[in-house]
Amino acid sequence: TLKNLEKLTQSPSPKVKTIGGVANYSVKYREKLLAQATIVSAVNQIENHPYLPQQEVVDFCKEKGIHVTAYSPFGSTGSPMFNDEAVNEVAKKHGVKVGIVLLSY
């Protein structure tokens, strides 16, 4: 349980420094977790890219000091984002490859 994980950080010779993070937590579930936690997990890993921005989750995490890391930043295999006109325009404007734009998103 969460409380047992938190206790691990408080032992005399802690083997756990902090609680790293969670994955796929919406605002609703992050709020539930924050209400029970004394240690705020540092990261929320979510699928995040221009076709699935999840801005509500990103904004909430930013407000709470929680880092968002993306899985699948290129979208699915064979993602059409590499051919997306807007993404390609941004890449061209900044002189970088499309993958860099997607990773930076």
PDB file of N, CA and C in Angstrom:
ATOM      1  N   THR A   1       0.839  -1.185   0.000  1.00  0.00           N
ATOM      2  CA  THR A   1       0.000   0.000   0.000  1.00  0.00           C
ATOM      3  C   THR A   1       0.883   1.247   0.000  1.00  0.00           C
ATOM      4  N   LEU A   2       0.258   2.366  -0.254  1.00  0.00           N
ATOM      5  CA  LEU A   2       0.977   3.635  -0.294  1.00  0.00           C
ATOM      6  C   LEU A   2       1.655   3.926   1.042  1.00  0.00           C
ATOM      7  N   LYS A   3       0.945   3.712   2.126  1.00  0.00           N
ATOM      8  CA  LYS A   3       1.509   3.995   3.460  1.00  0.00           C
ATOM      9  C   LYS A   3       2.736   3.131   3.728  1.00  0.00           C
ATOM     10  N   ASN A   4       2.714   1.872   3.293  1.00  0.00           N
ATOM     11  CA  ASN A   4       3.876   0.996   3.471  1.00  0.00           C
ATOM     12  C   ASN A   4       5.065   1.482   2.649  1.00  0.00           C
ATOM     13  N   LEU A   5       4.801   1.956   1.444  1.00  0.00           N
ATOM     14  CA  LEU A   5       5.878   2.517   0.625  1.00  0.00           C
ATOM     15  C   LEU A   5       6.473   3.754   1.293  1.00  0.00           C
ATOM     16  N   GLU A   6       5.615   4.603   1.821  1.00  0.00           N
ATOM     17  CA  GLU A   6       6.104   5.813   2.487  1.00  0.00           C
ATOM     18  C   GLU A   6       6.948   5.470   3.713  1.00  0.00           C
ATOM     19  N   LYS A   7       6.583   4.415   4.443  1.00  0.00           N
ATOM     20  CA  LYS A   7       7.358   3.998   5.616  1.00  0.00           C
ATOM     21  C   LYS A   7       8.776   3.595   5.227  1.00  0.00           C
ATOM     22  N   LEU A   8       8.939   3.033   4.043  1.00  0.00           N
ATOM     23  CA  LEU A   8      10.265   2.618   3.592  1.00  0.00           C
ATOM     24  C   LEU A   8      11.233   3.788   3.483  1.00  0.00           C
ATOM     25  N   THR A   9      10.711   4.957   3.216  1.00  0.00           N
ATOM     26  CA  THR A   9      11.576   6.140   3.085  1.00  0.00           C
ATOM     27  C   THR A   9      11.989   6.698   4.443  1.00  0.00           C
ATOM     28  N   GLN A  10      11.339   6.247   5.502  1.00  0.00           N
ATOM     29  CA  GLN A  10      11.575   6.815   6.827  1.00  0.00           C
ATOM     30  C   GLN A  10      12.352   5.887   7.760  1.00  0.00           C
ATOM     31  N   SER A  11      12.781   4.746   7.279  1.00  0.00           N
ATOM     32  CA  SER A  11      13.520   3.819   8.140  1.00  0.00           C
ATOM     33  C   SER A  11      14.900   4.407   8.456  1.00  0.00           C
ATOM     34  N   PRO A  12      15.550   3.905   9.520  1.00  0.00           N
ATOM     35  CA  PRO A  12      16.862   4.443   9.897  1.00  0.00           C
ATOM     36  C   PRO A  12      17.903   4.367   8.779  1.00  0.00           C
ATOM     37  N   SER A  13      17.902   3.292   8.025  1.00  0.00           N
ATOM     38  CA  SER A  13      18.800   3.149   6.867  1.00  0.00           C
ATOM     39  C   SER A  13      17.939   2.930   5.634  1.00  0.00           C
ATOM     40  N   PRO A  14      17.306   3.989   5.154  1.00  0.00           N
ATOM     41  CA  PRO A  14      16.336   3.799   4.061  1.00  0.00           C
ATOM     42  C   PRO A  14      16.960   3.255   2.780  1.00  0.00           C
ATOM     43  N   LYS A  15      16.309   2.246   2.235  1.00  0.00           N
ATOM     44  CA  LYS A  15      16.710   1.698   0.936  1.00  0.00           C
ATOM     45  C   LYS A  15      15.920   2.385  -0.176  1.00  0.00           C
ATOM     46  N   VAL A  16      14.915   3.124   0.223  1.00  0.00           N
ATOM     47  CA  VAL A  16      14.067   3.850  -0.709  1.00  0.00           C
ATOM     48  C   VAL A  16      14.170   5.336  -0.355  1.00  0.00           C
ATOM     49  N   LYS A  17      14.607   6.152  -1.312  1.00  0.00           N
ATOM     50  CA  LYS A  17      14.749   7.589  -1.045  1.00  0.00           C
ATOM     51  C   LYS A  17      13.439   8.339  -1.231  1.00  0.00           C
ATOM     52  N   THR A  18      12.697   7.957  -2.239  1.00  0.00           N
ATOM     53  CA  THR A  18      11.432   8.617  -2.518  1.00  0.00           C
ATOM     54  C   THR A  18      10.561   7.677  -3.337  1.00  0.00           C
ATOM     55  N   ILE A  19       9.332   8.073  -3.529  1.00  0.00           N
ATOM     56  CA  ILE A  19       8.422   7.300  -4.363  1.00  0.00           C
ATOM     57  C   ILE A  19       8.456   7.949  -5.736  1.00  0.00           C
ATOM     58  N   GLY A  20       8.987   7.224  -6.702  1.00  0.00           N
ATOM     59  CA  GLY A  20       9.261   7.783  -8.012  1.00  0.00           C
ATOM     60  C   GLY A  20       8.067   8.292  -8.779  1.00  0.00           C
ATOM     61  N   GLY A  21       7.125   7.440  -9.070  1.00  0.00           N
ATOM     62  CA  GLY A  21       6.036   7.927  -9.886  1.00  0.00           C
ATOM     63  C   GLY A  21       4.962   6.906 -10.151  1.00  0.00           C
ATOM     64  N   VAL A  22       4.014   7.343 -10.954  1.00  0.00           N
ATOM     65  CA  VAL A  22       2.876   6.525 -11.352  1.00  0.00           C
ATOM     66  C   VAL A  22       2.743   6.619 -12.871  1.00  0.00           C
ATOM     67  N   ALA A  23       1.889   5.776 -13.413  1.00  0.00           N
ATOM     68  CA  ALA A  23       1.645   5.801 -14.858  1.00  0.00           C
ATOM     69  C   ALA A  23       0.149   5.823 -15.129  1.00  0.00           C
ATOM     70  N   ASN A  24      -0.219   6.610 -16.103  1.00  0.00           N
ATOM     71  CA  ASN A  24      -1.599   6.684 -16.593  1.00  0.00           C
ATOM     72  C   ASN A  24      -2.595   7.191 -15.552  1.00  0.00           C
ATOM     73  N   TYR A  25      -2.165   8.101 -14.692  1.00  0.00           N
ATOM     74  CA  TYR A  25      -3.079   8.654 -13.698  1.00  0.00           C
ATOM     75  C   TYR A  25      -3.733   9.913 -14.249  1.00  0.00           C
ATOM     76  N   SER A  26      -5.051   9.881 -14.307  1.00  0.00           N
ATOM     77  CA  SER A  26      -5.824  11.055 -14.719  1.00  0.00           C
ATOM     78  C   SER A  26      -5.839  12.049 -13.560  1.00  0.00           C
ATOM     79  N   VAL A  27      -6.407  13.221 -13.785  1.00  0.00           N
ATOM     80  CA  VAL A  27      -6.524  14.217 -12.724  1.00  0.00           C
ATOM     81  C   VAL A  27      -7.307  13.624 -11.554  1.00  0.00           C
ATOM     82  N   LYS A  28      -8.381  12.935 -11.843  1.00  0.00           N
ATOM     83  CA  LYS A  28      -9.218  12.331 -10.793  1.00  0.00           C
ATOM     84  C   LYS A  28      -8.389  11.411  -9.897  1.00  0.00           C
ATOM     85  N   TYR A  29      -7.582  10.539 -10.487  1.00  0.00           N
ATOM     86  CA  TYR A  29      -6.801   9.594  -9.704  1.00  0.00           C
ATOM     87  C   TYR A  29      -5.610  10.256  -9.021  1.00  0.00           C
ATOM     88  N   ARG A  30      -5.037  11.277  -9.660  1.00  0.00           N
ATOM     89  CA  ARG A  30      -3.951  12.011  -9.001  1.00  0.00           C
ATOM     90  C   ARG A  30      -4.483  12.724  -7.763  1.00  0.00           C
ATOM     91  N   GLU A  31      -5.659  13.322  -7.862  1.00  0.00           N
ATOM     92  CA  GLU A  31      -6.259  13.998  -6.709  1.00  0.00           C
ATOM     93  C   GLU A  31      -6.504  13.013  -5.574  1.00  0.00           C
ATOM     94  N   LYS A  32      -7.014  11.836  -5.916  1.00  0.00           N
ATOM     95  CA  LYS A  32      -7.254  10.791  -4.907  1.00  0.00           C
ATOM     96  C   LYS A  32      -5.948  10.385  -4.225  1.00  0.00           C
ATOM     97  N   LEU A  33      -4.913  10.202  -5.026  1.00  0.00           N
ATOM     98  CA  LEU A  33      -3.613   9.808  -4.493  1.00  0.00           C
ATOM     99  C   LEU A  33      -3.025  10.905  -3.616  1.00  0.00           C
ATOM    100  N   LEU A  34      -3.092  12.148  -4.068  1.00  0.00           N
ATOM    101  CA  LEU A  34      -2.543  13.266  -3.298  1.00  0.00           C
ATOM    102  C   LEU A  34      -3.246  13.434  -1.950  1.00  0.00           C
ATOM    103  N   ALA A  35      -4.534  13.118  -1.895  1.00  0.00           N
ATOM    104  CA  ALA A  35      -5.292  13.229  -0.649  1.00  0.00           C
ATOM    105  C   ALA A  35      -4.805  12.217   0.387  1.00  0.00           C
ATOM    106  N   GLN A  36      -4.232  11.105  -0.068  1.00  0.00           N
ATOM    107  CA  GLN A  36      -3.791  10.042   0.841  1.00  0.00           C
ATOM    108  C   GLN A  36      -2.290  10.064   1.097  1.00  0.00           C
ATOM    109  N   ALA A  37      -1.558  10.736   0.273  1.00  0.00           N
ATOM    110  CA  ALA A  37      -0.096  10.657   0.324  1.00  0.00           C
ATOM    111  C   ALA A  37       0.513  11.748   1.195  1.00  0.00           C
ATOM    112  N   THR A  38       1.610  11.385   1.853  1.00  0.00           N
ATOM    113  CA  THR A  38       2.403  12.409   2.526  1.00  0.00           C
ATOM    114  C   THR A  38       3.611  12.757   1.653  1.00  0.00           C
ATOM    115  N   ILE A  39       3.949  11.857   0.731  1.00  0.00           N
ATOM    116  CA  ILE A  39       5.027  12.083  -0.225  1.00  0.00           C
ATOM    117  C   ILE A  39       4.392  12.149  -1.612  1.00  0.00           C
ATOM    118  N   VAL A  40       4.604  13.245  -2.297  1.00  0.00           N
ATOM    119  CA  VAL A  40       4.068  13.398  -3.650  1.00  0.00           C
ATOM    120  C   VAL A  40       5.019  12.705  -4.617  1.00  0.00           C
ATOM    121  N   SER A  41       4.504  11.754  -5.379  1.00  0.00           N
ATOM    122  CA  SER A  41       5.357  11.087  -6.361  1.00  0.00           C
ATOM    123  C   SER A  41       5.831  12.106  -7.385  1.00  0.00           C
ATOM    124  N   ALA A  42       7.042  11.913  -7.851  1.00  0.00           N
ATOM    125  CA  ALA A  42       7.708  12.915  -8.677  1.00  0.00           C
ATOM    126  C   ALA A  42       7.240  12.944 -10.123  1.00  0.00           C
ATOM    127  N   VAL A  43       6.719  11.811 -10.622  1.00  0.00           N
ATOM    128  CA  VAL A  43       6.466  11.685 -12.056  1.00  0.00           C
ATOM    129  C   VAL A  43       5.106  11.049 -12.319  1.00  0.00           C
ATOM    130  N   ASN A  44       4.467  11.478 -13.396  1.00  0.00           N
ATOM    131  CA  ASN A  44       3.286  10.814 -13.934  1.00  0.00           C
ATOM    132  C   ASN A  44       3.589  10.530 -15.401  1.00  0.00           C
ATOM    133  N   GLN A  45       3.689   9.258 -15.752  1.00  0.00           N
ATOM    134  CA  GLN A  45       3.967   8.892 -17.139  1.00  0.00           C
ATOM    135  C   GLN A  45       2.641   8.641 -17.850  1.00  0.00           C
ATOM    136  N   ILE A  46       2.417   9.398 -18.915  1.00  0.00           N
ATOM    137  CA  ILE A  46       1.175   9.272 -19.682  1.00  0.00           C
ATOM    138  C   ILE A  46       1.494   9.242 -21.171  1.00  0.00           C
ATOM    139  N   GLU A  47       0.560   8.710 -21.950  1.00  0.00           N
ATOM    140  CA  GLU A  47       0.721   8.824 -23.398  1.00  0.00           C
ATOM    141  C   GLU A  47       0.494  10.293 -23.742  1.00  0.00           C
ATOM    142  N   ASN A  48       1.456  10.886 -24.411  1.00  0.00           N
ATOM    143  CA  ASN A  48       1.374  12.313 -24.667  1.00  0.00           C
ATOM    144  C   ASN A  48       2.081  12.637 -25.968  1.00  0.00           C
ATOM    145  N   HIS A  49       1.349  13.219 -26.897  1.00  0.00           N
ATOM    146  CA  HIS A  49       1.876  13.653 -28.188  1.00  0.00           C
ATOM    147  C   HIS A  49       0.846  14.580 -28.814  1.00  0.00           C
ATOM    148  N   PRO A  50       1.146  15.229 -29.922  1.00  0.00           N
ATOM    149  CA  PRO A  50       0.207  16.199 -30.500  1.00  0.00           C
ATOM    150  C   PRO A  50      -1.186  15.639 -30.802  1.00  0.00           C
ATOM    151  N   TYR A  51      -1.305  14.348 -31.053  1.00  0.00           N
ATOM    152  CA  TYR A  51      -2.628  13.781 -31.324  1.00  0.00           C
ATOM    153  C   TYR A  51      -3.364  13.401 -30.050  1.00  0.00           C
ATOM    154  N   LEU A  52      -2.668  13.357 -28.922  1.00  0.00           N
ATOM    155  CA  LEU A  52      -3.270  13.056 -27.619  1.00  0.00           C
ATOM    156  C   LEU A  52      -2.580  13.912 -26.559  1.00  0.00           C
ATOM    157  N   PRO A  53      -2.894  15.215 -26.534  1.00  0.00           N
ATOM    158  CA  PRO A  53      -2.154  16.129 -25.671  1.00  0.00           C
ATOM    159  C   PRO A  53      -2.429  15.996 -24.168  1.00  0.00           C
ATOM    160  N   GLN A  54      -3.582  15.518 -23.764  1.00  0.00           N
ATOM    161  CA  GLN A  54      -3.937  15.363 -22.344  1.00  0.00           C
ATOM    162  C   GLN A  54      -3.579  16.610 -21.537  1.00  0.00           C
ATOM    163  N   GLN A  55      -3.947  17.762 -22.065  1.00  0.00           N
ATOM    164  CA  GLN A  55      -3.553  19.038 -21.464  1.00  0.00           C
ATOM    165  C   GLN A  55      -4.029  19.200 -20.031  1.00  0.00           C
ATOM    166  N   GLU A  56      -5.215  18.677 -19.712  1.00  0.00           N
ATOM    167  CA  GLU A  56      -5.734  18.796 -18.340  1.00  0.00           C
ATOM    168  C   GLU A  56      -4.794  18.101 -17.348  1.00  0.00           C
ATOM    169  N   VAL A  57      -4.319  16.919 -17.710  1.00  0.00           N
ATOM    170  CA  VAL A  57      -3.402  16.182 -16.841  1.00  0.00           C
ATOM    171  C   VAL A  57      -2.061  16.914 -16.751  1.00  0.00           C
ATOM    172  N   VAL A  58      -1.554  17.368 -17.884  1.00  0.00           N
ATOM    173  CA  VAL A  58      -0.269  18.082 -17.919  1.00  0.00           C
ATOM    174  C   VAL A  58      -0.340  19.338 -17.050  1.00  0.00           C
ATOM    175  N   ASP A  59      -1.404  20.120 -17.185  1.00  0.00           N
ATOM    176  CA  ASP A  59      -1.551  21.350 -16.404  1.00  0.00           C
ATOM    177  C   ASP A  59      -1.652  21.055 -14.911  1.00  0.00           C
ATOM    178  N   PHE A  60      -2.424  20.035 -14.558  1.00  0.00           N
ATOM    179  CA  PHE A  60      -2.577  19.658 -13.152  1.00  0.00           C
ATOM    180  C   PHE A  60      -1.235  19.254 -12.549  1.00  0.00           C
ATOM    181  N   CYS A  61      -0.511  18.412 -13.265  1.00  0.00           N
ATOM    182  CA  CYS A  61       0.788  17.959 -12.764  1.00  0.00           C
ATOM    183  C   CYS A  61       1.759  19.125 -12.615  1.00  0.00           C
ATOM    184  N   LYS A  62       1.766  20.006 -13.587  1.00  0.00           N
ATOM    185  CA  LYS A  62       2.656  21.171 -13.523  1.00  0.00           C
ATOM    186  C   LYS A  62       2.335  22.015 -12.288  1.00  0.00           C
ATOM    187  N   GLU A  63       1.058  22.224 -12.043  1.00  0.00           N
ATOM    188  CA  GLU A  63       0.607  23.005 -10.882  1.00  0.00           C
ATOM    189  C   GLU A  63       1.064  22.366  -9.567  1.00  0.00           C
ATOM    190  N   LYS A  64       1.129  21.044  -9.533  1.00  0.00           N
ATOM    191  CA  LYS A  64       1.497  20.322  -8.312  1.00  0.00           C
ATOM    192  C   LYS A  64       2.991  20.000  -8.231  1.00  0.00           C
ATOM    193  N   GLY A  65       3.751  20.416  -9.237  1.00  0.00           N
ATOM    194  CA  GLY A  65       5.188  20.148  -9.236  1.00  0.00           C
ATOM    195  C   GLY A  65       5.530  18.713  -9.595  1.00  0.00           C
ATOM    196  N   ILE A  66       4.650  18.064 -10.340  1.00  0.00           N
ATOM    197  CA  ILE A  66       4.846  16.676 -10.765  1.00  0.00           C
ATOM    198  C   ILE A  66       5.301  16.683 -12.219  1.00  0.00           C
ATOM    199  N   HIS A  67       6.417  16.037 -12.481  1.00  0.00           N
ATOM    200  CA  HIS A  67       6.955  15.972 -13.840  1.00  0.00           C
ATOM    201  C   HIS A  67       6.128  15.000 -14.682  1.00  0.00           C
ATOM    202  N   VAL A  68       5.814  15.383 -15.899  1.00  0.00           N
ATOM    203  CA  VAL A  68       5.126  14.491 -16.830  1.00  0.00           C
ATOM    204  C   VAL A  68       6.155  13.958 -17.811  1.00  0.00           C
ATOM    205  N   THR A  69       6.174  12.669 -17.959  1.00  0.00           N
ATOM    206  CA  THR A  69       7.020  12.057 -18.973  1.00  0.00           C
ATOM    207  C   THR A  69       6.107  11.274 -19.912  1.00  0.00           C
ATOM    208  N   ALA A  70       6.425  11.317 -21.180  1.00  0.00           N
ATOM    209  CA  ALA A  70       5.560  10.696 -22.178  1.00  0.00           C
ATOM    210  C   ALA A  70       6.044   9.302 -22.541  1.00  0.00           C
ATOM    211  N   TYR A  71       5.090   8.409 -22.662  1.00  0.00           N
ATOM    212  CA  TYR A  71       5.406   7.172 -23.351  1.00  0.00           C
ATOM    213  C   TYR A  71       4.713   7.274 -24.700  1.00  0.00           C
ATOM    214  N   SER A  72       5.262   6.626 -25.665  1.00  0.00           N
ATOM    215  CA  SER A  72       4.737   6.657 -27.027  1.00  0.00           C
ATOM    216  C   SER A  72       4.664   8.085 -27.584  1.00  0.00           C
ATOM    217  N   PRO A  73       5.749   8.887 -27.429  1.00  0.00           N
ATOM    218  CA  PRO A  73       5.689  10.267 -27.913  1.00  0.00           C
ATOM    219  C   PRO A  73       5.571  10.389 -29.430  1.00  0.00           C
ATOM    220  N   PHE A  74       5.865   9.290 -30.135  1.00  0.00           N
ATOM    221  CA  PHE A  74       5.702   9.294 -31.595  1.00  0.00           C
ATOM    222  C   PHE A  74       4.328   8.779 -31.998  1.00  0.00           C
ATOM    223  N   GLY A  75       3.511   8.391 -31.042  1.00  0.00           N
ATOM    224  CA  GLY A  75       2.232   7.775 -31.347  1.00  0.00           C
ATOM    225  C   GLY A  75       2.449   6.297 -31.619  1.00  0.00           C
ATOM    226  N   SER A  76       1.518   5.683 -32.272  1.00  0.00           N
ATOM    227  CA  SER A  76       1.612   4.249 -32.540  1.00  0.00           C
ATOM    228  C   SER A  76       2.613   3.960 -33.655  1.00  0.00           C
ATOM    229  N   THR A  77       2.947   2.684 -33.815  1.00  0.00           N
ATOM    230  CA  THR A  77       3.854   2.267 -34.885  1.00  0.00           C
ATOM    231  C   THR A  77       3.303   2.734 -36.227  1.00  0.00           C
ATOM    232  N   GLY A  78       4.162   3.303 -37.031  1.00  0.00           N
ATOM    233  CA  GLY A  78       3.714   3.831 -38.324  1.00  0.00           C
ATOM    234  C   GLY A  78       2.874   5.085 -38.160  1.00  0.00           C
ATOM    235  N   SER A  79       3.113   5.802 -37.095  1.00  0.00           N
ATOM    236  CA  SER A  79       2.316   6.973 -36.754  1.00  0.00           C
ATOM    237  C   SER A  79       2.270   7.987 -37.896  1.00  0.00           C
ATOM    238  N   PRO A  80       1.076   8.507 -38.158  1.00  0.00           N
ATOM    239  CA  PRO A  80       0.960   9.548 -39.190  1.00  0.00           C
ATOM    240  C   PRO A  80       1.554  10.883 -38.750  1.00  0.00           C
ATOM    241  N   MET A  81       1.948  11.000 -37.477  1.00  0.00           N
ATOM    242  CA  MET A  81       2.500  12.278 -37.009  1.00  0.00           C
ATOM    243  C   MET A  81       3.784  12.649 -37.733  1.00  0.00           C
ATOM    244  N   PHE A  82       4.545  11.647 -38.190  1.00  0.00           N
ATOM    245  CA  PHE A  82       5.778  11.954 -38.914  1.00  0.00           C
ATOM    246  C   PHE A  82       5.481  12.619 -40.252  1.00  0.00           C
ATOM    247  N   ASN A  83       4.265  12.468 -40.731  1.00  0.00           N
ATOM    248  CA  ASN A  83       3.861  13.085 -41.990  1.00  0.00           C
ATOM    249  C   ASN A  83       2.915  14.275 -41.782  1.00  0.00           C
ATOM    250  N   ASP A  84       2.633  14.583 -40.536  1.00  0.00           N
ATOM    251  CA  ASP A  84       1.710  15.669 -40.224  1.00  0.00           C
ATOM    252  C   ASP A  84       2.310  17.001 -40.677  1.00  0.00           C
ATOM    253  N   GLU A  85       1.508  17.765 -41.392  1.00  0.00           N
ATOM    254  CA  GLU A  85       1.983  19.025 -41.967  1.00  0.00           C
ATOM    255  C   GLU A  85       2.446  20.009 -40.886  1.00  0.00           C
ATOM    256  N   ALA A  86       1.665  20.170 -39.844  1.00  0.00           N
ATOM    257  CA  ALA A  86       2.014  21.126 -38.789  1.00  0.00           C
ATOM    258  C   ALA A  86       3.300  20.727 -38.076  1.00  0.00           C
ATOM    259  N   VAL A  87       3.441  19.448 -37.763  1.00  0.00           N
ATOM    260  CA  VAL A  87       4.645  18.967 -37.079  1.00  0.00           C
ATOM    261  C   VAL A  87       5.865  19.176 -37.977  1.00  0.00           C
ATOM    262  N   ASN A  88       5.711  18.893 -39.264  1.00  0.00           N
ATOM    263  CA  ASN A  88       6.814  19.093 -40.207  1.00  0.00           C
ATOM    264  C   ASN A  88       7.173  20.568 -40.349  1.00  0.00           C
ATOM    265  N   GLU A  89       6.189  21.443 -40.307  1.00  0.00           N
ATOM    266  CA  GLU A  89       6.459  22.890 -40.386  1.00  0.00           C
ATOM    267  C   GLU A  89       7.272  23.359 -39.180  1.00  0.00           C
ATOM    268  N   VAL A  90       6.904  22.869 -38.005  1.00  0.00           N
ATOM    269  CA  VAL A  90       7.641  23.245 -36.791  1.00  0.00           C
ATOM    270  C   VAL A  90       9.085  22.749 -36.885  1.00  0.00           C
ATOM    271  N   ALA A  91       9.257  21.512 -37.351  1.00  0.00           N
ATOM    272  CA  ALA A  91      10.604  20.947 -37.487  1.00  0.00           C
ATOM    273  C   ALA A  91      11.435  21.783 -38.464  1.00  0.00           C
ATOM    274  N   LYS A  92      10.841  22.119 -39.595  1.00  0.00           N
ATOM    275  CA  LYS A  92      11.555  22.913 -40.603  1.00  0.00           C
ATOM    276  C   LYS A  92      11.917  24.289 -40.053  1.00  0.00           C
ATOM    277  N   LYS A  93      10.973  24.924 -39.365  1.00  0.00           N
ATOM    278  CA  LYS A  93      11.191  26.260 -38.813  1.00  0.00           C
ATOM    279  C   LYS A  93      12.379  26.272 -37.839  1.00  0.00           C
ATOM    280  N   HIS A  94      12.535  25.192 -37.080  1.00  0.00           N
ATOM    281  CA  HIS A  94      13.595  25.140 -36.070  1.00  0.00           C
ATOM    282  C   HIS A  94      14.832  24.371 -36.530  1.00  0.00           C
ATOM    283  N   GLY A  95      14.796  23.896 -37.782  1.00  0.00           N
ATOM    284  CA  GLY A  95      15.951  23.200 -38.339  1.00  0.00           C
ATOM    285  C   GLY A  95      16.277  21.883 -37.641  1.00  0.00           C
ATOM    286  N   VAL A  96      15.230  21.166 -37.233  1.00  0.00           N
ATOM    287  CA  VAL A  96      15.431  19.871 -36.568  1.00  0.00           C
ATOM    288  C   VAL A  96      14.574  18.802 -37.248  1.00  0.00           C
ATOM    289  N   LYS A  97      14.826  17.557 -36.890  1.00  0.00           N
ATOM    290  CA  LYS A  97      14.040  16.474 -37.455  1.00  0.00           C
ATOM    291  C   LYS A  97      12.680  16.386 -36.732  1.00  0.00           C
ATOM    292  N   VAL A  98      11.727  15.775 -37.396  1.00  0.00           N
ATOM    293  CA  VAL A  98      10.368  15.641 -36.858  1.00  0.00           C
ATOM    294  C   VAL A  98      10.383  14.911 -35.518  1.00  0.00           C
ATOM    295  N   GLY A  99      11.232  13.896 -35.393  1.00  0.00           N
ATOM    296  CA  GLY A  99      11.316  13.150 -34.137  1.00  0.00           C
ATOM    297  C   GLY A  99      11.696  14.032 -32.956  1.00  0.00           C
ATOM    298  N   ILE A 100      12.542  15.009 -33.189  1.00  0.00           N
ATOM    299  CA  ILE A 100      12.959  15.941 -32.137  1.00  0.00           C
ATOM    300  C   ILE A 100      11.764  16.782 -31.698  1.00  0.00           C
ATOM    301  N   VAL A 101      10.967  17.228 -32.640  1.00  0.00           N
ATOM    302  CA  VAL A 101       9.771  18.007 -32.314  1.00  0.00           C
ATOM    303  C   VAL A 101       8.823  17.179 -31.457  1.00  0.00           C
ATOM    304  N   LEU A 102       8.615  15.932 -31.830  1.00  0.00           N
ATOM    305  CA  LEU A 102       7.700  15.073 -31.103  1.00  0.00           C
ATOM    306  C   LEU A 102       8.228  14.751 -29.701  1.00  0.00           C
ATOM    307  N   LEU A 103       9.517  14.525 -29.591  1.00  0.00           N
ATOM    308  CA  LEU A 103      10.111  14.257 -28.265  1.00  0.00           C
ATOM    309  C   LEU A 103      10.045  15.505 -27.388  1.00  0.00           C
ATOM    310  N   SER A 104      10.186  16.664 -27.985  1.00  0.00           N
ATOM    311  CA  SER A 104      10.167  17.913 -27.226  1.00  0.00           C
ATOM    312  C   SER A 104       8.763  18.329 -26.828  1.00  0.00           C
ATOM    313  N   TYR A 105       7.785  17.805 -27.537  1.00  0.00           N
ATOM    314  CA  TYR A 105       6.401  18.173 -27.265  1.00  0.00           C
ATOM    315  C   TYR A 105       6.053  17.850 -25.832  1.00  0.00           C
TER     316      TYR A 105
END
